[in-house]
Amino acid sequence: MRIAVVAALSAAMAGCVSAPADYGASLSQQDPKFASPECQQARAAAADYAQREKQHPGWGFGVLLGPYSMGMVAAVKEHERQQRLLLARQMHLQCSSQPLPRELDFDPATYAPKQTRYP
């Protein structure tokens, strides 16, 4: 029971990062980097991600699988949070001349897939 509550709370917190497309809209359009082709590609990637995120099953899928699927739903939400952070960081680097905000100032390798070795 405890694990399900912790998983539900962590999944709820994982959804708190704003969407990269929304973050891109908040950047200054007066910045010279905003009109660059790299910025346009970053904004297109954020829009594609937003579209893909709307298509996944979400919480309803977890409810259909039962209470033991809450961990799986929490893992999916955490992965989505990490992807939103990476896309927002990339968009800021491509579209803004301002320094990175504190919440985006991290090493992107921390969210890279880990190499696992199987015996």
Protein backbone atom coordinates (compact mmCIF):
# COMPACT_ATOMS: atom_id res chain seq x y z
CA MET A 1 0.00 0.00 0.00
CA ARG A 2 2.81 2.37 0.89
CA ILE A 3 4.57 1.76 -2.39
CA ALA A 4 1.43 2.56 -4.38
CA VAL A 5 0.98 5.86 -2.52
CA VAL A 6 4.63 6.83 -3.03
CA ALA A 7 4.43 5.89 -6.71
CA ALA A 8 1.25 7.93 -7.18
CA LEU A 9 2.74 10.98 -5.47
CA SER A 10 5.97 10.80 -7.45
CA ALA A 11 4.03 10.43 -10.69
CA ALA A 12 1.94 13.45 -9.79
CA MET A 13 5.07 15.49 -9.09
CA ALA A 14 6.68 14.27 -12.32
CA GLY A 15 4.04 16.03 -14.38
CA CYS A 16 4.93 19.46 -12.95
CA VAL A 17 7.45 20.45 -15.63
CA SER A 18 5.90 22.69 -18.27
CA ALA A 19 5.65 21.51 -21.84
CA PRO A 20 8.62 22.45 -24.07
CA ALA A 21 6.31 24.06 -26.61
CA ASP A 22 4.93 26.33 -23.87
CA TYR A 23 8.46 27.13 -22.73
CA GLY A 24 9.42 28.04 -26.30
CA ALA A 25 6.47 30.42 -26.49
CA SER A 26 7.72 32.17 -23.34
CA LEU A 27 11.12 32.96 -24.88
CA SER A 28 11.72 36.42 -26.31
CA GLN A 29 11.01 36.65 -30.02
CA GLN A 30 13.25 39.73 -30.16
CA ASP A 31 16.31 37.59 -29.50
CA PRO A 32 18.47 37.21 -32.65
CA LYS A 33 18.77 33.45 -32.07
CA PHE A 34 14.98 33.03 -32.11
CA ALA A 35 14.76 33.27 -35.92
CA SER A 36 17.67 30.86 -36.53
CA PRO A 37 17.10 27.52 -38.30
CA GLU A 38 18.34 25.68 -35.20
CA CYS A 39 15.65 27.36 -33.12
CA GLN A 40 12.98 26.49 -35.67
CA GLN A 41 14.09 22.85 -35.53
CA ALA A 42 14.00 22.88 -31.72
CA ARG A 43 10.50 24.38 -31.72
CA ALA A 44 9.33 21.79 -34.27
CA ALA A 45 10.76 18.99 -32.09
CA ALA A 46 8.92 20.41 -29.07
CA ALA A 47 5.66 20.57 -31.02
CA ASP A 48 6.15 16.96 -32.20
CA TYR A 49 6.79 15.88 -28.62
CA ALA A 50 3.65 17.64 -27.42
CA GLN A 51 1.63 15.83 -30.09
CA ARG A 52 3.14 12.43 -29.17
CA GLU A 53 2.53 13.07 -25.47
CA LYS A 54 -1.17 13.62 -26.12
CA GLN A 55 -1.44 10.25 -27.88
CA HIS A 56 -0.24 7.96 -25.08
CA PRO A 57 -2.81 6.26 -22.83
CA GLY A 58 -1.98 8.12 -19.60
CA TRP A 59 -3.51 7.41 -16.20
CA GLY A 60 -6.54 5.56 -17.57
CA PHE A 61 -4.25 2.85 -18.89
CA GLY A 62 -2.77 2.36 -15.40
CA VAL A 63 -6.18 2.10 -13.80
CA LEU A 64 -7.18 -0.60 -16.29
CA LEU A 65 -4.14 -2.69 -15.39
CA GLY A 66 -4.81 -2.50 -11.67
CA PRO A 67 -3.05 -1.12 -8.61
CA TYR A 68 0.26 -2.83 -9.35
CA SER A 69 0.68 -0.86 -12.54
CA MET A 70 1.08 2.41 -10.61
CA GLY A 71 4.85 1.89 -10.59
CA MET A 72 4.84 1.56 -14.35
CA VAL A 73 2.75 4.72 -14.73
CA ALA A 74 5.13 6.54 -12.36
CA ALA A 75 8.12 5.43 -14.45
CA VAL A 76 6.44 6.65 -17.64
CA LYS A 77 5.65 10.02 -16.05
CA GLU A 78 9.23 10.39 -14.81
CA HIS A 79 10.55 9.62 -18.30
CA GLU A 80 8.20 12.23 -19.77
CA ARG A 81 9.43 14.78 -17.21
CA GLN A 82 13.03 14.07 -18.17
CA GLN A 83 12.22 14.41 -21.87
CA ARG A 84 10.44 17.73 -21.26
CA LEU A 85 13.47 19.02 -19.34
CA LEU A 86 15.88 17.97 -22.09
CA LEU A 87 13.75 19.51 -24.83
CA ALA A 88 13.29 22.76 -22.89
CA ARG A 89 17.06 22.92 -22.25
CA GLN A 90 17.82 22.33 -25.93
CA MET A 91 15.26 24.92 -26.98
CA HIS A 92 16.74 27.51 -24.60
CA LEU A 93 20.24 26.87 -25.92
CA GLN A 94 19.08 27.17 -29.54
CA CYS A 95 16.62 30.05 -29.17
CA SER A 96 17.93 32.35 -26.45
CA SER A 97 21.10 34.30 -25.80
CA GLN A 98 20.29 34.47 -22.08
CA PRO A 99 22.08 32.16 -19.63
CA LEU A 100 20.34 28.94 -18.72
CA PRO A 101 17.80 29.20 -15.90
CA ARG A 102 18.68 27.29 -12.75
CA GLU A 103 16.14 24.51 -13.41
CA LEU A 104 17.66 23.86 -16.85
CA ASP A 105 21.30 24.15 -15.79
CA PHE A 106 22.22 20.48 -15.47
CA ASP A 107 24.38 17.93 -17.21
CA PRO A 108 22.24 16.30 -19.94
CA ALA A 109 24.23 13.09 -19.55
CA THR A 110 22.42 12.46 -16.26
CA TYR A 111 19.28 11.66 -18.25
CA ALA A 112 21.01 9.68 -20.98
CA PRO A 113 20.18 5.97 -21.25
CA LYS A 114 22.46 3.90 -19.07
CA GLN A 115 24.57 1.14 -20.56
CA THR A 116 23.56 -2.15 -19.00
CA ARG A 117 25.50 -5.35 -19.28
CA TYR A 118 23.79 -8.66 -19.03
CA PRO A 119 25.68 -11.79 -18.04
